[in-house]
Amino acid sequence: MGLWTLIQGMLLFANGLAILNEDRFLAPRGWTMLEVQRGNRSTMKGQLIGLIYACQYFRIMLVFFNFITIILKLIYG
């Protein structure tokens, strides 16, 4: 496994986190930002909620990175 494969895997993981819907998936499980704002920031669950919301916040950058990745895969195979 090379560095490029690892970067692609992280990009796919970030894409998966970015598409999670708060109303349909996160809220029924108690994974909203209200949980983090209540003081649970240092827990593992709070850190994961922060990661999910960070990926959702940077969706436009993810689209750009996906575009670059697709172009590089088309050029270099």
PDB file of N, CA and C in Angstrom:
ATOM      1  N   MET A   1       0.854  -1.172   0.000  1.00  0.00           N
ATOM      2  CA  MET A   1       0.000   0.000   0.000  1.00  0.00           C
ATOM      3  C   MET A   1       0.897   1.231   0.000  1.00  0.00           C
ATOM      4  N   GLY A   2       0.680   2.082  -0.945  1.00  0.00           N
ATOM      5  CA  GLY A   2       1.489   3.279  -1.046  1.00  0.00           C
ATOM      6  C   GLY A   2       0.797   4.495  -0.442  1.00  0.00           C
ATOM      7  N   LEU A   3       1.498   5.597  -0.491  1.00  0.00           N
ATOM      8  CA  LEU A   3       0.970   6.842   0.046  1.00  0.00           C
ATOM      9  C   LEU A   3      -0.260   7.304  -0.732  1.00  0.00           C
ATOM     10  N   TRP A   4      -0.237   7.121  -2.056  1.00  0.00           N
ATOM     11  CA  TRP A   4      -1.373   7.542  -2.879  1.00  0.00           C
ATOM     12  C   TRP A   4      -2.638   6.759  -2.514  1.00  0.00           C
ATOM     13  N   THR A   5      -2.503   5.465  -2.252  1.00  0.00           N
ATOM     14  CA  THR A   5      -3.640   4.636  -1.855  1.00  0.00           C
ATOM     15  C   THR A   5      -4.184   5.078  -0.504  1.00  0.00           C
ATOM     16  N   LEU A   6      -3.304   5.421   0.408  1.00  0.00           N
ATOM     17  CA  LEU A   6      -3.725   5.904   1.720  1.00  0.00           C
ATOM     18  C   LEU A   6      -4.474   7.229   1.606  1.00  0.00           C
ATOM     19  N   ILE A   7      -3.991   8.128   0.765  1.00  0.00           N
ATOM     20  CA  ILE A   7      -4.666   9.412   0.557  1.00  0.00           C
ATOM     21  C   ILE A   7      -6.041   9.195  -0.061  1.00  0.00           C
ATOM     22  N   GLN A   8      -6.144   8.283  -1.022  1.00  0.00           N
ATOM     23  CA  GLN A   8      -7.439   7.990  -1.633  1.00  0.00           C
ATOM     24  C   GLN A   8      -8.407   7.402  -0.611  1.00  0.00           C
ATOM     25  N   GLY A   9      -7.923   6.548   0.248  1.00  0.00           N
ATOM     26  CA  GLY A   9      -8.768   5.969   1.296  1.00  0.00           C
ATOM     27  C   GLY A   9      -9.282   7.024   2.264  1.00  0.00           C
ATOM     28  N   MET A  10      -8.414   7.952   2.643  1.00  0.00           N
ATOM     29  CA  MET A  10      -8.851   9.030   3.538  1.00  0.00           C
ATOM     30  C   MET A  10      -9.865   9.929   2.850  1.00  0.00           C
ATOM     31  N   LEU A  11      -9.689  10.168   1.554  1.00  0.00           N
ATOM     32  CA  LEU A  11     -10.643  10.975   0.794  1.00  0.00           C
ATOM     33  C   LEU A  11     -12.001  10.279   0.721  1.00  0.00           C
ATOM     34  N   LEU A  12     -12.008   8.978   0.498  1.00  0.00           N
ATOM     35  CA  LEU A  12     -13.261   8.234   0.482  1.00  0.00           C
ATOM     36  C   LEU A  12     -13.943   8.249   1.845  1.00  0.00           C
ATOM     37  N   PHE A  13     -13.165   8.140   2.903  1.00  0.00           N
ATOM     38  CA  PHE A  13     -13.709   8.196   4.260  1.00  0.00           C
ATOM     39  C   PHE A  13     -14.322   9.564   4.542  1.00  0.00           C
ATOM     40  N   ALA A  14     -13.632  10.636   4.137  1.00  0.00           N
ATOM     41  CA  ALA A  14     -14.154  11.992   4.321  1.00  0.00           C
ATOM     42  C   ALA A  14     -15.430  12.194   3.517  1.00  0.00           C
ATOM     43  N   ASN A  15     -15.495  11.628   2.314  1.00  0.00           N
ATOM     44  CA  ASN A  15     -16.716  11.706   1.519  1.00  0.00           C
ATOM     45  C   ASN A  15     -17.872  11.004   2.218  1.00  0.00           C
ATOM     46  N   GLY A  16     -17.594   9.862   2.808  1.00  0.00           N
ATOM     47  CA  GLY A  16     -18.629   9.134   3.536  1.00  0.00           C
ATOM     48  C   GLY A  16     -19.155   9.920   4.728  1.00  0.00           C
ATOM     49  N   LEU A  17     -18.277  10.595   5.433  1.00  0.00           N
ATOM     50  CA  LEU A  17     -18.715  11.400   6.573  1.00  0.00           C
ATOM     51  C   LEU A  17     -19.467  12.652   6.131  1.00  0.00           C
ATOM     52  N   ALA A  18     -19.094  13.197   4.974  1.00  0.00           N
ATOM     53  CA  ALA A  18     -19.698  14.447   4.509  1.00  0.00           C
ATOM     54  C   ALA A  18     -21.142  14.263   4.064  1.00  0.00           C
ATOM     55  N   ILE A  19     -21.517  13.048   3.664  1.00  0.00           N
ATOM     56  CA  ILE A  19     -22.875  12.863   3.164  1.00  0.00           C
ATOM     57  C   ILE A  19     -23.864  12.437   4.241  1.00  0.00           C
ATOM     58  N   LEU A  20     -23.417  12.267   5.474  1.00  0.00           N
ATOM     59  CA  LEU A  20     -24.336  11.881   6.534  1.00  0.00           C
ATOM     60  C   LEU A  20     -25.326  13.014   6.811  1.00  0.00           C
ATOM     61  N   ASN A  21     -26.604  12.684   6.802  1.00  0.00           N
ATOM     62  CA  ASN A  21     -27.654  13.659   7.021  1.00  0.00           C
ATOM     63  C   ASN A  21     -27.923  13.792   8.521  1.00  0.00           C
ATOM     64  N   GLU A  22     -27.937  15.018   9.003  1.00  0.00           N
ATOM     65  CA  GLU A  22     -28.136  15.236  10.428  1.00  0.00           C
ATOM     66  C   GLU A  22     -29.536  14.837  10.878  1.00  0.00           C
ATOM     67  N   ASP A  23     -30.547  15.209  10.120  1.00  0.00           N
ATOM     68  CA  ASP A  23     -31.928  14.946  10.527  1.00  0.00           C
ATOM     69  C   ASP A  23     -32.288  13.462  10.451  1.00  0.00           C
ATOM     70  N   ARG A  24     -31.806  12.789   9.438  1.00  0.00           N
ATOM     71  CA  ARG A  24     -32.218  11.407   9.222  1.00  0.00           C
ATOM     72  C   ARG A  24     -31.309  10.383   9.896  1.00  0.00           C
ATOM     73  N   PHE A  25     -30.039  10.713  10.066  1.00  0.00           N
ATOM     74  CA  PHE A  25     -29.116   9.716  10.588  1.00  0.00           C
ATOM     75  C   PHE A  25     -28.509  10.098  11.940  1.00  0.00           C
ATOM     76  N   LEU A  26     -28.021  11.312  12.057  1.00  0.00           N
ATOM     77  CA  LEU A  26     -27.268  11.684  13.255  1.00  0.00           C
ATOM     78  C   LEU A  26     -28.163  12.009  14.451  1.00  0.00           C
ATOM     79  N   ALA A  27     -29.221  12.772  14.249  1.00  0.00           N
ATOM     80  CA  ALA A  27     -30.075  13.206  15.366  1.00  0.00           C
ATOM     81  C   ALA A  27     -30.761  12.047  16.093  1.00  0.00           C
ATOM     82  N   PRO A  28     -31.315  11.050  15.401  1.00  0.00           N
ATOM     83  CA  PRO A  28     -31.936   9.942  16.143  1.00  0.00           C
ATOM     84  C   PRO A  28     -30.961   9.164  17.014  1.00  0.00           C
ATOM     85  N   ARG A  29     -29.689   9.233  16.705  1.00  0.00           N
ATOM     86  CA  ARG A  29     -28.684   8.519  17.481  1.00  0.00           C
ATOM     87  C   ARG A  29     -28.001   9.385  18.530  1.00  0.00           C
ATOM     88  N   GLY A  30     -28.398  10.664  18.583  1.00  0.00           N
ATOM     89  CA  GLY A  30     -27.811  11.569  19.565  1.00  0.00           C
ATOM     90  C   GLY A  30     -26.442  12.087  19.184  1.00  0.00           C
ATOM     91  N   TRP A  31     -26.154  12.189  17.893  1.00  0.00           N
ATOM     92  CA  TRP A  31     -24.848  12.616  17.420  1.00  0.00           C
ATOM     93  C   TRP A  31     -24.928  14.007  16.814  1.00  0.00           C
ATOM     94  N   THR A  32     -25.502  14.956  17.520  1.00  0.00           N
ATOM     95  CA  THR A  32     -25.622  16.326  17.024  1.00  0.00           C
ATOM     96  C   THR A  32     -24.607  17.221  17.714  1.00  0.00           C
ATOM     97  N   MET A  33     -24.500  18.440  17.220  1.00  0.00           N
ATOM     98  CA  MET A  33     -23.571  19.394  17.831  1.00  0.00           C
ATOM     99  C   MET A  33     -24.033  19.813  19.224  1.00  0.00           C
ATOM    100  N   LEU A  34     -25.298  19.617  19.552  1.00  0.00           N
ATOM    101  CA  LEU A  34     -25.773  19.916  20.910  1.00  0.00           C
ATOM    102  C   LEU A  34     -25.060  19.050  21.941  1.00  0.00           C
ATOM    103  N   GLU A  35     -24.754  17.820  21.560  1.00  0.00           N
ATOM    104  CA  GLU A  35     -24.014  16.935  22.461  1.00  0.00           C
ATOM    105  C   GLU A  35     -22.623  17.489  22.752  1.00  0.00           C
ATOM    106  N   VAL A  36     -21.995  18.034  21.738  1.00  0.00           N
ATOM    107  CA  VAL A  36     -20.644  18.574  21.893  1.00  0.00           C
ATOM    108  C   VAL A  36     -20.688  19.876  22.676  1.00  0.00           C
ATOM    109  N   GLN A  37     -21.691  20.690  22.446  1.00  0.00           N
ATOM    110  CA  GLN A  37     -21.791  21.981  23.122  1.00  0.00           C
ATOM    111  C   GLN A  37     -22.128  21.827  24.597  1.00  0.00           C
ATOM    112  N   ARG A  38     -22.650  20.699  25.001  1.00  0.00           N
ATOM    113  CA  ARG A  38     -22.979  20.469  26.412  1.00  0.00           C
ATOM    114  C   ARG A  38     -21.752  20.158  27.255  1.00  0.00           C
ATOM    115  N   GLY A  39     -20.604  20.019  26.623  1.00  0.00           N
ATOM    116  CA  GLY A  39     -19.383  19.787  27.390  1.00  0.00           C
ATOM    117  C   GLY A  39     -18.734  18.454  27.148  1.00  0.00           C
ATOM    118  N   ASN A  40     -19.183  17.712  26.164  1.00  0.00           N
ATOM    119  CA  ASN A  40     -18.612  16.399  25.870  1.00  0.00           C
ATOM    120  C   ASN A  40     -17.567  16.477  24.769  1.00  0.00           C
ATOM    121  N   ARG A  41     -16.797  17.540  24.720  1.00  0.00           N
ATOM    122  CA  ARG A  41     -15.838  17.722  23.627  1.00  0.00           C
ATOM    123  C   ARG A  41     -14.649  16.792  23.722  1.00  0.00           C
ATOM    124  N   SER A  42     -14.244  16.438  24.907  1.00  0.00           N
ATOM    125  CA  SER A  42     -13.017  15.654  25.047  1.00  0.00           C
ATOM    126  C   SER A  42     -13.260  14.149  24.925  1.00  0.00           C
ATOM    127  N   THR A  43     -14.502  13.727  24.862  1.00  0.00           N
ATOM    128  CA  THR A  43     -14.768  12.305  24.730  1.00  0.00           C
ATOM    129  C   THR A  43     -14.552  11.864  23.286  1.00  0.00           C
ATOM    130  N   MET A  44     -14.446  10.569  23.098  1.00  0.00           N
ATOM    131  CA  MET A  44     -14.258  10.025  21.754  1.00  0.00           C
ATOM    132  C   MET A  44     -15.458  10.345  20.867  1.00  0.00           C
ATOM    133  N   LYS A  45     -16.651  10.261  21.444  1.00  0.00           N
ATOM    134  CA  LYS A  45     -17.871  10.572  20.700  1.00  0.00           C
ATOM    135  C   LYS A  45     -17.882  12.038  20.289  1.00  0.00           C
ATOM    136  N   GLY A  46     -17.474  12.927  21.170  1.00  0.00           N
ATOM    137  CA  GLY A  46     -17.416  14.353  20.846  1.00  0.00           C
ATOM    138  C   GLY A  46     -16.412  14.654  19.751  1.00  0.00           C
ATOM    139  N   GLN A  47     -15.273  13.975  19.792  1.00  0.00           N
ATOM    140  CA  GLN A  47     -14.265  14.160  18.750  1.00  0.00           C
ATOM    141  C   GLN A  47     -14.769  13.664  17.394  1.00  0.00           C
ATOM    142  N   LEU A  48     -15.472  12.538  17.402  1.00  0.00           N
ATOM    143  CA  LEU A  48     -16.009  11.990  16.157  1.00  0.00           C
ATOM    144  C   LEU A  48     -17.115  12.881  15.586  1.00  0.00           C
ATOM    145  N   ILE A  49     -17.955  13.440  16.453  1.00  0.00           N
ATOM    146  CA  ILE A  49     -18.985  14.373  15.998  1.00  0.00           C
ATOM    147  C   ILE A  49     -18.335  15.606  15.388  1.00  0.00           C
ATOM    148  N   GLY A  50     -17.290  16.097  15.998  1.00  0.00           N
ATOM    149  CA  GLY A  50     -16.563  17.237  15.443  1.00  0.00           C
ATOM    150  C   GLY A  50     -15.962  16.922  14.083  1.00  0.00           C
ATOM    151  N   LEU A  51     -15.436  15.711  13.918  1.00  0.00           N
ATOM    152  CA  LEU A  51     -14.880  15.292  12.625  1.00  0.00           C
ATOM    153  C   LEU A  51     -15.963  15.225  11.559  1.00  0.00           C
ATOM    154  N   ILE A  52     -17.123  14.700  11.910  1.00  0.00           N
ATOM    155  CA  ILE A  52     -18.235  14.608  10.959  1.00  0.00           C
ATOM    156  C   ILE A  52     -18.659  15.998  10.504  1.00  0.00           C
ATOM    157  N   TYR A  53     -18.806  16.916  11.443  1.00  0.00           N
ATOM    158  CA  TYR A  53     -19.236  18.262  11.081  1.00  0.00           C
ATOM    159  C   TYR A  53     -18.146  19.033  10.334  1.00  0.00           C
ATOM    160  N   ALA A  54     -16.901  18.740  10.603  1.00  0.00           N
ATOM    161  CA  ALA A  54     -15.818  19.378   9.841  1.00  0.00           C
ATOM    162  C   ALA A  54     -15.834  18.904   8.392  1.00  0.00           C
ATOM    163  N   CYS A  55     -16.071  17.614   8.183  1.00  0.00           N
ATOM    164  CA  CYS A  55     -16.161  17.095   6.812  1.00  0.00           C
ATOM    165  C   CYS A  55     -17.360  17.697   6.081  1.00  0.00           C
ATOM    166  N   GLN A  56     -18.457  17.883   6.791  1.00  0.00           N
ATOM    167  CA  GLN A  56     -19.632  18.482   6.165  1.00  0.00           C
ATOM    168  C   GLN A  56     -19.393  19.950   5.862  1.00  0.00           C
ATOM    169  N   TYR A  57     -18.629  20.623   6.671  1.00  0.00           N
ATOM    170  CA  TYR A  57     -18.347  22.040   6.460  1.00  0.00           C
ATOM    171  C   TYR A  57     -17.460  22.256   5.240  1.00  0.00           C
ATOM    172  N   PHE A  58     -16.542  21.335   4.994  1.00  0.00           N
ATOM    173  CA  PHE A  58     -15.591  21.462   3.888  1.00  0.00           C
ATOM    174  C   PHE A  58     -16.005  20.664   2.658  1.00  0.00           C
ATOM    175  N   ARG A  59     -17.305  20.589   2.387  1.00  0.00           N
ATOM    176  CA  ARG A  59     -17.791  19.830   1.233  1.00  0.00           C
ATOM    177  C   ARG A  59     -17.256  20.374  -0.082  1.00  0.00           C
ATOM    178  N   ILE A  60     -17.177  21.689  -0.223  1.00  0.00           N
ATOM    179  CA  ILE A  60     -16.700  22.273  -1.471  1.00  0.00           C
ATOM    180  C   ILE A  60     -15.246  21.881  -1.720  1.00  0.00           C
ATOM    181  N   MET A  61     -14.437  21.880  -0.674  1.00  0.00           N
ATOM    182  CA  MET A  61     -13.053  21.440  -0.824  1.00  0.00           C
ATOM    183  C   MET A  61     -12.982  19.956  -1.179  1.00  0.00           C
ATOM    184  N   LEU A  62     -13.891  19.158  -0.624  1.00  0.00           N
ATOM    185  CA  LEU A  62     -13.918  17.740  -0.967  1.00  0.00           C
ATOM    186  C   LEU A  62     -14.253  17.533  -2.436  1.00  0.00           C
ATOM    187  N   VAL A  63     -15.163  18.327  -2.964  1.00  0.00           N
ATOM    188  CA  VAL A  63     -15.487  18.230  -4.386  1.00  0.00           C
ATOM    189  C   VAL A  63     -14.241  18.547  -5.211  1.00  0.00           C
ATOM    190  N   PHE A  64     -13.510  19.565  -4.822  1.00  0.00           N
ATOM    191  CA  PHE A  64     -12.276  19.929  -5.527  1.00  0.00           C
ATOM    192  C   PHE A  64     -11.256  18.794  -5.455  1.00  0.00           C
ATOM    193  N   PHE A  65     -11.045  18.223  -4.269  1.00  0.00           N
ATOM    194  CA  PHE A  65     -10.090  17.123  -4.117  1.00  0.00           C
ATOM    195  C   PHE A  65     -10.531  15.887  -4.903  1.00  0.00           C
ATOM    196  N   ASN A  66     -11.826  15.623  -4.940  1.00  0.00           N
ATOM    197  CA  ASN A  66     -12.336  14.513  -5.739  1.00  0.00           C
ATOM    198  C   ASN A  66     -12.058  14.745  -7.223  1.00  0.00           C
ATOM    199  N   PHE A  67     -12.267  15.969  -7.677  1.00  0.00           N
ATOM    200  CA  PHE A  67     -12.009  16.310  -9.072  1.00  0.00           C
ATOM    201  C   PHE A  67     -10.535  16.101  -9.413  1.00  0.00           C
ATOM    202  N   ILE A  68      -9.646  16.571  -8.562  1.00  0.00           N
ATOM    203  CA  ILE A  68      -8.206  16.406  -8.776  1.00  0.00           C
ATOM    204  C   ILE A  68      -7.834  14.922  -8.794  1.00  0.00           C
ATOM    205  N   THR A  69      -8.408  14.158  -7.869  1.00  0.00           N
ATOM    206  CA  THR A  69      -8.116  12.726  -7.802  1.00  0.00           C
ATOM    207  C   THR A  69      -8.578  12.013  -9.075  1.00  0.00           C
ATOM    208  N   ILE A  70      -9.766  12.355  -9.560  1.00  0.00           N
ATOM    209  CA  ILE A  70     -10.277  11.732 -10.777  1.00  0.00           C
ATOM    210  C   ILE A  70      -9.390  12.072 -11.968  1.00  0.00           C
ATOM    211  N   ILE A  71      -8.988  13.329 -12.071  1.00  0.00           N
ATOM    212  CA  ILE A  71      -8.117  13.733 -13.174  1.00  0.00           C
ATOM    213  C   ILE A  71      -6.784  12.991 -13.118  1.00  0.00           C
ATOM    214  N   LEU A  72      -6.194  12.896 -11.929  1.00  0.00           N
ATOM    215  CA  LEU A  72      -4.910  12.189 -11.792  1.00  0.00           C
ATOM    216  C   LEU A  72      -5.054  10.702 -12.113  1.00  0.00           C
ATOM    217  N   LYS A  73      -6.174  10.100 -11.708  1.00  0.00           N
ATOM    218  CA  LYS A  73      -6.392   8.698 -12.034  1.00  0.00           C
ATOM    219  C   LYS A  73      -6.574   8.491 -13.528  1.00  0.00           C
ATOM    220  N   LEU A  74      -7.218   9.439 -14.195  1.00  0.00           N
ATOM    221  CA  LEU A  74      -7.386   9.326 -15.648  1.00  0.00           C
ATOM    222  C   LEU A  74      -6.044   9.476 -16.380  1.00  0.00           C
ATOM    223  N   ILE A  75      -5.193  10.354 -15.885  1.00  0.00           N
ATOM    224  CA  ILE A  75      -3.909  10.591 -16.536  1.00  0.00           C
ATOM    225  C   ILE A  75      -2.917   9.468 -16.256  1.00  0.00           C
ATOM    226  N   TYR A  76      -2.768   9.101 -14.984  1.00  0.00           N
ATOM    227  CA  TYR A  76      -1.723   8.151 -14.599  1.00  0.00           C
ATOM    228  C   TYR A  76      -2.206   6.718 -14.394  1.00  0.00           C
ATOM    229  N   GLY A  77      -3.493   6.508 -14.440  1.00  0.00           N
ATOM    230  CA  GLY A  77      -4.032   5.148 -14.360  1.00  0.00           C
ATOM    231  C   GLY A  77      -4.159   4.571 -13.034  1.00  0.00           C
TER     232      GLY A  77
END
